[in-house]
Amino acid sequence: MRYKVFVVDSSRRVICAAKFDCIDEQAARCRAEQMYGEHDVELWESDRLVANQICRLAAVS
């Protein structure tokens, strides 16, 4: 599956983005978690927000 990760600042503006393929959502979450630093990270599959990371990845219902 194709996923997108957006690193966003405190105003939710995109600082950088990356696209990658992962076998499943759990693998994509692990990969996105590696990108976490000083800024929040959002994980998307197509137009569906899968998770956002503030301190840890939090599932979006």
Protein backbone atom coordinates (compact mmCIF):
# COMPACT_ATOMS: atom_id res chain seq x y z
CA MET A 1 0.00 0.00 0.00
CA ARG A 2 1.10 3.57 -0.65
CA TYR A 3 1.39 5.91 2.35
CA LYS A 4 2.32 9.56 2.81
CA VAL A 5 3.94 11.12 5.85
CA PHE A 6 3.76 14.84 6.51
CA VAL A 7 5.97 16.56 9.07
CA VAL A 8 4.03 19.60 10.30
CA ASP A 9 4.83 22.57 12.50
CA SER A 10 2.76 23.85 15.43
CA SER A 11 0.46 25.71 12.98
CA ARG A 12 -0.15 22.42 11.10
CA ARG A 13 1.81 23.67 8.06
CA VAL A 14 3.69 20.99 6.16
CA ILE A 15 7.44 21.24 6.62
CA CYS A 16 8.28 18.19 4.52
CA ALA A 17 6.59 15.12 3.08
CA ALA A 18 7.53 11.61 2.01
CA LYS A 19 5.80 8.81 0.13
CA PHE A 20 6.53 5.16 0.69
CA ASP A 21 5.10 1.68 0.23
CA CYS A 22 4.50 -0.66 3.15
CA ILE A 23 2.93 -4.08 3.38
CA ASP A 24 0.35 -2.98 5.97
CA GLU A 25 -0.70 -0.16 8.27
CA GLN A 26 1.40 -1.38 11.20
CA ALA A 27 4.57 -1.29 9.09
CA ALA A 28 3.66 2.20 7.89
CA ARG A 29 3.16 3.36 11.49
CA CYS A 30 6.60 2.03 12.43
CA ARG A 31 8.19 3.81 9.50
CA ALA A 32 6.39 7.07 10.27
CA GLU A 33 7.43 6.82 13.91
CA GLN A 34 11.07 6.89 12.79
CA MET A 35 10.46 10.33 11.26
CA TYR A 36 9.25 11.86 14.53
CA GLY A 37 11.49 14.61 15.86
CA GLU A 38 10.71 18.09 17.11
CA HIS A 39 7.56 18.29 14.97
CA ASP A 40 4.29 16.40 14.67
CA VAL A 41 3.93 13.74 12.00
CA GLU A 42 0.76 12.75 10.12
CA LEU A 43 0.41 9.39 8.37
CA TRP A 44 -2.00 9.17 5.44
CA GLU A 45 -3.19 6.39 3.18
CA SER A 46 -4.62 8.11 0.11
CA ASP A 47 -7.06 10.69 1.57
CA ARG A 48 -7.54 8.85 4.89
CA LEU A 49 -5.70 10.10 7.97
CA VAL A 50 -4.34 6.93 9.55
CA ALA A 51 -2.54 8.45 12.53
CA ASN A 52 -0.93 11.56 13.87
CA GLN A 53 2.09 11.60 16.08
CA ILE A 54 2.54 14.13 18.81
CA CYS A 55 4.50 12.12 21.34
CA ARG A 56 3.59 8.67 20.04
CA LEU A 57 1.44 7.65 17.09
CA ALA A 58 -2.19 8.00 18.10
CA ALA A 59 -4.87 6.16 16.13
CA VAL A 60 -7.50 8.25 14.42
CA SER A 61 -11.01 6.88 14.59
